[in-house]
Amino acid sequence: MRSPDFHGYMAGNPVRWYSVSIWDFDIPVKADSHGAARYEVWLNFNDAYDISFGEFCKQSKVRAS
C-alpha cells in the first residue's frame, strides 16, 4: 500500500479540495473529482433537506479550491 506524498497525491489519483455551493451554503470537501465532491456533499445535505440528487446537481456549483 502506498502512502500519499506531500501534496496528497497517491498513485496518480489526486485528492483535492473542492467547494460545493448551493443556496447560501459553501461547503468545502476533499474528494477525487468534481462529481465525487458533489455526491459527498449531497449525502450529508440530504439528511437535513429533502432534495433529490438530480435537483441538487441542477442547483449546486462545484469549484476547485
Protein backbone atom coordinates (compact mmCIF):
# COMPACT_ATOMS: atom_id res chain seq x y z
CA MET A 1 0.00 0.00 0.00
CA ARG A 2 1.33 3.39 -0.98
CA SER A 3 1.10 6.43 1.21
CA PRO A 4 0.22 9.87 -0.16
CA ASP A 5 3.04 12.26 -0.90
CA PHE A 6 3.37 15.78 0.47
CA HIS A 7 0.64 17.22 -1.78
CA GLY A 8 -1.89 14.43 -1.16
CA TYR A 9 -1.36 12.61 -4.47
CA MET A 10 -1.47 8.83 -4.38
CA ALA A 11 -0.72 6.56 -7.33
CA GLY A 12 -1.71 9.19 -9.89
CA ASN A 13 -5.13 9.77 -8.37
CA PRO A 14 -5.22 13.32 -6.97
CA VAL A 15 -7.25 14.06 -3.89
CA ARG A 16 -8.09 17.75 -3.88
CA TRP A 17 -10.23 20.22 -2.01
CA TYR A 18 -13.43 21.32 -3.72
CA SER A 19 -16.02 23.87 -2.72
CA VAL A 20 -19.65 22.93 -3.31
CA SER A 21 -22.08 25.86 -3.29
CA ILE A 22 -25.84 25.55 -3.01
CA TRP A 23 -28.31 28.21 -1.86
CA ASP A 24 -26.45 30.17 0.85
CA PHE A 25 -24.10 27.31 1.77
CA ASP A 26 -20.48 26.95 0.70
CA ILE A 27 -19.21 23.53 1.80
CA PRO A 28 -15.53 22.52 1.47
CA VAL A 29 -14.93 18.83 0.79
CA LYS A 30 -11.91 16.66 -0.02
CA ALA A 31 -12.56 14.35 -2.97
CA ASP A 32 -11.09 12.69 -6.08
CA SER A 33 -13.23 14.58 -8.61
CA HIS A 34 -15.93 17.23 -9.04
CA GLY A 35 -18.60 14.56 -9.20
CA ALA A 36 -17.36 12.77 -6.10
CA ALA A 37 -17.31 16.07 -4.21
CA ARG A 38 -20.88 16.87 -5.24
CA TYR A 39 -22.12 13.39 -4.27
CA GLU A 40 -20.32 13.51 -0.90
CA VAL A 41 -21.97 16.82 -0.03
CA TRP A 42 -25.37 15.61 -1.23
CA LEU A 43 -25.18 12.58 1.08
CA ASN A 44 -24.80 14.89 4.08
CA PHE A 45 -27.13 17.58 2.73
CA ASN A 46 -29.91 15.09 2.05
CA ASP A 47 -30.10 14.22 5.76
CA ALA A 48 -31.29 17.74 6.59
CA TYR A 49 -33.14 18.75 3.40
CA ASP A 50 -35.47 16.66 1.26
CA ILE A 51 -33.85 17.12 -2.17
CA SER A 52 -33.15 14.59 -4.91
CA PHE A 53 -29.65 14.19 -6.32
CA GLY A 54 -30.77 15.43 -9.74
CA GLU A 55 -32.25 18.60 -8.26
CA PHE A 56 -29.14 19.05 -6.12
CA CYS A 57 -26.96 18.83 -9.24
CA LYS A 58 -29.05 21.47 -11.02
CA GLN A 59 -28.86 23.92 -8.13
CA SER A 60 -25.30 23.36 -6.92
CA LYS A 61 -21.96 24.54 -8.26
CA VAL A 62 -18.57 22.88 -7.71
CA ARG A 63 -15.20 24.56 -7.99
CA ALA A 64 -11.68 23.52 -7.10
CA SER A 65 -10.27 25.25 -4.05
